[in-house]
Amino acid sequence: MKKKVGKRIQMLRMEHNITQDHMADLLCISTSAYCKIEYGETDLTLTRIRRLAEIFGMPEQELAMRLLSSSDSAIDTDPGTQRNNLVLPTSLEKMISEMIVQNKEYKDKVIQDISRLEDRLELISSRLQTLEGFHLKD
């Protein structure tokens, strides 16, 4: 499986016209370390998947699915329903679940931050109205 994932990363890299040397620089690793990823000798970390997604300009989940989607064993076709179901390895399923949770946590944090900013803007607006009222009395 690692070799197939490495081959797909290589294909994506080539589609984006990026050399192995440049890709290694973008990932802040040596060229030989990057080659080991393409050859399937090194496991991808979540951090590297995130960085690869940034480099290729796609969401992390899409990259993960693309890395697995064309695997011979990744698609399980149920002939009774004529539906294709993607069967993910447990480690990748866990990693995608973690990314989804992290994205939800980030979204919730952004919503909280926006709410705090709205509260502060209301306070500032109220204080400005009070100040304008004092200014008009003069």
C-alpha atoms as a PDB file:
ATOM      1  CA  MET A   1       0.000   0.000   0.000  1.00  0.00           C
ATOM      2  CA  LYS A   2       2.839   2.442   0.840  1.00  0.00           C
ATOM      3  CA  LYS A   3       4.331   1.904  -2.615  1.00  0.00           C
ATOM      4  CA  LYS A   4       0.999   2.712  -4.307  1.00  0.00           C
ATOM      5  CA  VAL A   5       0.559   5.832  -2.172  1.00  0.00           C
ATOM      6  CA  GLY A   6       4.136   6.887  -2.980  1.00  0.00           C
ATOM      7  CA  LYS A   7       3.476   6.348  -6.695  1.00  0.00           C
ATOM      8  CA  ARG A   8       0.349   8.526  -6.520  1.00  0.00           C
ATOM      9  CA  ILE A   9       2.286  11.267  -4.743  1.00  0.00           C
ATOM     10  CA  GLN A  10       4.868  11.039  -7.507  1.00  0.00           C
ATOM     11  CA  MET A  11       2.120  11.363 -10.143  1.00  0.00           C
ATOM     12  CA  LEU A  12       0.631  14.406  -8.374  1.00  0.00           C
ATOM     13  CA  ARG A  13       4.073  15.961  -8.131  1.00  0.00           C
ATOM     14  CA  MET A  14       4.655  15.420 -11.828  1.00  0.00           C
ATOM     15  CA  GLU A  15       1.179  16.787 -12.700  1.00  0.00           C
ATOM     16  CA  HIS A  16       2.189  19.975 -10.870  1.00  0.00           C
ATOM     17  CA  ASN A  17       5.586  20.077 -12.618  1.00  0.00           C
ATOM     18  CA  ILE A  18       7.514  19.937  -9.360  1.00  0.00           C
ATOM     19  CA  THR A  19      10.925  18.266  -9.159  1.00  0.00           C
ATOM     20  CA  GLN A  20      11.831  15.914  -6.337  1.00  0.00           C
ATOM     21  CA  ASP A  21      14.420  18.434  -5.122  1.00  0.00           C
ATOM     22  CA  HIS A  22      11.861  21.245  -5.049  1.00  0.00           C
ATOM     23  CA  MET A  23       9.269  19.029  -3.347  1.00  0.00           C
ATOM     24  CA  ALA A  24      11.832  18.104  -0.690  1.00  0.00           C
ATOM     25  CA  ASP A  25      12.519  21.814  -0.132  1.00  0.00           C
ATOM     26  CA  LEU A  26       8.787  22.532   0.155  1.00  0.00           C
ATOM     27  CA  LEU A  27       8.460  19.757   2.753  1.00  0.00           C
ATOM     28  CA  CYS A  28      11.625  20.901   4.566  1.00  0.00           C
ATOM     29  CA  ILE A  29      13.239  17.484   4.220  1.00  0.00           C
ATOM     30  CA  SER A  30      16.198  16.111   2.283  1.00  0.00           C
ATOM     31  CA  THR A  31      15.754  14.910  -1.273  1.00  0.00           C
ATOM     32  CA  SER A  32      16.636  11.367  -0.205  1.00  0.00           C
ATOM     33  CA  ALA A  33      13.973  11.489   2.545  1.00  0.00           C
ATOM     34  CA  TYR A  34      11.435  12.661  -0.023  1.00  0.00           C
ATOM     35  CA  CYS A  35      12.444   9.887  -2.449  1.00  0.00           C
ATOM     36  CA  LYS A  36      11.775   7.366   0.313  1.00  0.00           C
ATOM     37  CA  ILE A  37       8.199   8.684   0.491  1.00  0.00           C
ATOM     38  CA  GLU A  38       7.723   8.215  -3.256  1.00  0.00           C
ATOM     39  CA  TYR A  39       9.292   4.750  -3.153  1.00  0.00           C
ATOM     40  CA  GLY A  40       6.991   3.745  -0.292  1.00  0.00           C
ATOM     41  CA  GLU A  41       9.801   3.243   2.179  1.00  0.00           C
ATOM     42  CA  THR A  42       8.554   5.886   4.618  1.00  0.00           C
ATOM     43  CA  ASP A  43       5.131   6.350   6.206  1.00  0.00           C
ATOM     44  CA  LEU A  44       3.484   9.716   5.706  1.00  0.00           C
ATOM     45  CA  THR A  45       2.852  11.767   8.813  1.00  0.00           C
ATOM     46  CA  LEU A  46      -0.287  13.838   9.275  1.00  0.00           C
ATOM     47  CA  THR A  47       1.873  16.960   9.097  1.00  0.00           C
ATOM     48  CA  ARG A  48       3.321  15.893   5.748  1.00  0.00           C
ATOM     49  CA  ILE A  49      -0.111  15.053   4.354  1.00  0.00           C
ATOM     50  CA  ARG A  50      -1.291  18.515   5.372  1.00  0.00           C
ATOM     51  CA  ARG A  51       1.728  20.114   3.709  1.00  0.00           C
ATOM     52  CA  LEU A  52       1.278  18.023   0.548  1.00  0.00           C
ATOM     53  CA  ALA A  53      -2.363  19.106   0.405  1.00  0.00           C
ATOM     54  CA  GLU A  54      -1.245  22.752   0.605  1.00  0.00           C
ATOM     55  CA  ILE A  55       1.373  22.222  -2.098  1.00  0.00           C
ATOM     56  CA  PHE A  56      -1.118  20.509  -4.416  1.00  0.00           C
ATOM     57  CA  GLY A  57      -3.823  23.076  -3.597  1.00  0.00           C
ATOM     58  CA  MET A  58      -6.470  20.668  -2.325  1.00  0.00           C
ATOM     59  CA  PRO A  59      -8.174  19.847   0.973  1.00  0.00           C
ATOM     60  CA  GLU A  60      -6.444  17.240   3.123  1.00  0.00           C
ATOM     61  CA  GLN A  61      -9.392  14.857   2.888  1.00  0.00           C
ATOM     62  CA  GLU A  62      -9.377  15.054  -0.917  1.00  0.00           C
ATOM     63  CA  LEU A  63      -5.664  14.299  -1.017  1.00  0.00           C
ATOM     64  CA  ALA A  64      -6.130  11.327   1.311  1.00  0.00           C
ATOM     65  CA  MET A  65      -8.932   9.994  -0.866  1.00  0.00           C
ATOM     66  CA  ARG A  66      -6.900  10.489  -4.050  1.00  0.00           C
ATOM     67  CA  LEU A  67      -3.963   8.667  -2.544  1.00  0.00           C
ATOM     68  CA  LEU A  68      -6.197   5.670  -1.856  1.00  0.00           C
ATOM     69  CA  SER A  69      -8.952   5.831  -4.460  1.00  0.00           C
ATOM     70  CA  SER A  70      -7.203   4.011  -7.279  1.00  0.00           C
ATOM     71  CA  SER A  71      -5.906   1.209  -5.067  1.00  0.00           C
ATOM     72  CA  ASP A  72      -6.918  -2.220  -6.321  1.00  0.00           C
ATOM     73  CA  SER A  73      -8.238  -3.141  -2.893  1.00  0.00           C
ATOM     74  CA  ALA A  74      -9.541   0.294  -1.921  1.00  0.00           C
ATOM     75  CA  ILE A  75     -12.799   0.090  -3.901  1.00  0.00           C
ATOM     76  CA  ASP A  76     -15.237  -2.568  -2.819  1.00  0.00           C
ATOM     77  CA  THR A  77     -18.059  -2.920  -5.323  1.00  0.00           C
ATOM     78  CA  ASP A  78     -21.274  -4.389  -4.013  1.00  0.00           C
ATOM     79  CA  PRO A  79     -22.875  -6.008  -7.092  1.00  0.00           C
ATOM     80  CA  GLY A  80     -26.305  -6.121  -5.443  1.00  0.00           C
ATOM     81  CA  THR A  81     -26.532  -2.349  -5.101  1.00  0.00           C
ATOM     82  CA  GLN A  82     -24.110  -1.304  -7.854  1.00  0.00           C
ATOM     83  CA  ARG A  83     -22.526   1.130  -5.402  1.00  0.00           C
ATOM     84  CA  ASN A  84     -18.837   1.682  -4.868  1.00  0.00           C
ATOM     85  CA  ASN A  85     -17.751   1.854  -1.252  1.00  0.00           C
ATOM     86  CA  LEU A  86     -14.287   3.021  -0.348  1.00  0.00           C
ATOM     87  CA  VAL A  87     -12.677   0.701   2.171  1.00  0.00           C
ATOM     88  CA  LEU A  88      -9.982   2.557   4.081  1.00  0.00           C
ATOM     89  CA  PRO A  89      -7.218   1.054   6.154  1.00  0.00           C
ATOM     90  CA  THR A  90      -7.851   1.607   9.855  1.00  0.00           C
ATOM     91  CA  SER A  91      -4.847   3.910  10.230  1.00  0.00           C
ATOM     92  CA  LEU A  92      -6.018   6.181   7.405  1.00  0.00           C
ATOM     93  CA  GLU A  93      -9.610   6.114   8.612  1.00  0.00           C
ATOM     94  CA  LYS A  94      -8.368   7.220  12.050  1.00  0.00           C
ATOM     95  CA  MET A  95      -6.234   9.959  10.489  1.00  0.00           C
ATOM     96  CA  ILE A  96      -9.172  11.292   8.423  1.00  0.00           C
ATOM     97  CA  SER A  97     -11.403  11.187  11.503  1.00  0.00           C
ATOM     98  CA  GLU A  98      -8.802  13.183  13.426  1.00  0.00           C
ATOM     99  CA  MET A  99      -8.611  15.762  10.606  1.00  0.00           C
ATOM    100  CA  ILE A 100     -12.409  16.091  10.590  1.00  0.00           C
ATOM    101  CA  VAL A 101     -12.451  16.566  14.383  1.00  0.00           C
ATOM    102  CA  GLN A 102      -9.639  19.124  14.155  1.00  0.00           C
ATOM    103  CA  ASN A 103     -11.474  20.987  11.382  1.00  0.00           C
ATOM    104  CA  LYS A 104     -14.660  21.023  13.491  1.00  0.00           C
ATOM    105  CA  GLU A 105     -12.721  22.244  16.538  1.00  0.00           C
ATOM    106  CA  TYR A 106     -11.126  24.962  14.416  1.00  0.00           C
ATOM    107  CA  LYS A 107     -14.518  25.976  13.009  1.00  0.00           C
ATOM    108  CA  ASP A 108     -15.994  26.094  16.526  1.00  0.00           C
ATOM    109  CA  LYS A 109     -13.064  28.229  17.709  1.00  0.00           C
ATOM    110  CA  VAL A 110     -13.523  30.640  14.792  1.00  0.00           C
ATOM    111  CA  ILE A 111     -17.244  30.923  15.597  1.00  0.00           C
ATOM    112  CA  GLN A 112     -16.408  31.661  19.249  1.00  0.00           C
ATOM    113  CA  ASP A 113     -13.843  34.270  18.199  1.00  0.00           C
ATOM    114  CA  ILE A 114     -16.381  35.932  15.888  1.00  0.00           C
ATOM    115  CA  SER A 115     -18.931  35.955  18.709  1.00  0.00           C
ATOM    116  CA  ARG A 116     -16.409  37.618  21.038  1.00  0.00           C
ATOM    117  CA  LEU A 117     -15.589  40.193  18.369  1.00  0.00           C
ATOM    118  CA  GLU A 118     -19.292  40.936  17.867  1.00  0.00           C
ATOM    119  CA  ASP A 119     -19.676  41.421  21.639  1.00  0.00           C
ATOM    120  CA  ARG A 120     -16.691  43.786  21.676  1.00  0.00           C
ATOM    121  CA  LEU A 121     -18.028  45.712  18.693  1.00  0.00           C
ATOM    122  CA  GLU A 122     -21.366  46.126  20.463  1.00  0.00           C
ATOM    123  CA  LEU A 123     -19.551  47.443  23.547  1.00  0.00           C
ATOM    124  CA  ILE A 124     -17.478  49.845  21.447  1.00  0.00           C
ATOM    125  CA  SER A 125     -20.583  51.000  19.589  1.00  0.00           C
ATOM    126  CA  SER A 126     -22.392  51.568  22.880  1.00  0.00           C
ATOM    127  CA  ARG A 127     -19.467  53.561  24.260  1.00  0.00           C
ATOM    128  CA  LEU A 128     -19.267  55.630  21.075  1.00  0.00           C
ATOM    129  CA  GLN A 129     -22.975  56.433  21.311  1.00  0.00           C
ATOM    130  CA  THR A 130     -22.451  57.474  24.927  1.00  0.00           C
ATOM    131  CA  LEU A 131     -19.521  59.667  23.934  1.00  0.00           C
ATOM    132  CA  GLU A 132     -21.505  61.194  21.074  1.00  0.00           C
ATOM    133  CA  GLY A 133     -24.285  61.974  23.549  1.00  0.00           C
ATOM    134  CA  PHE A 134     -21.810  63.822  25.818  1.00  0.00           C
ATOM    135  CA  HIS A 135     -20.359  65.630  22.833  1.00  0.00           C
ATOM    136  CA  LEU A 136     -23.770  66.792  21.634  1.00  0.00           C
ATOM    137  CA  LYS A 137     -24.616  68.214  25.087  1.00  0.00           C
ATOM    138  CA  ASP A 138     -21.630  70.577  24.988  1.00  0.00           C
END
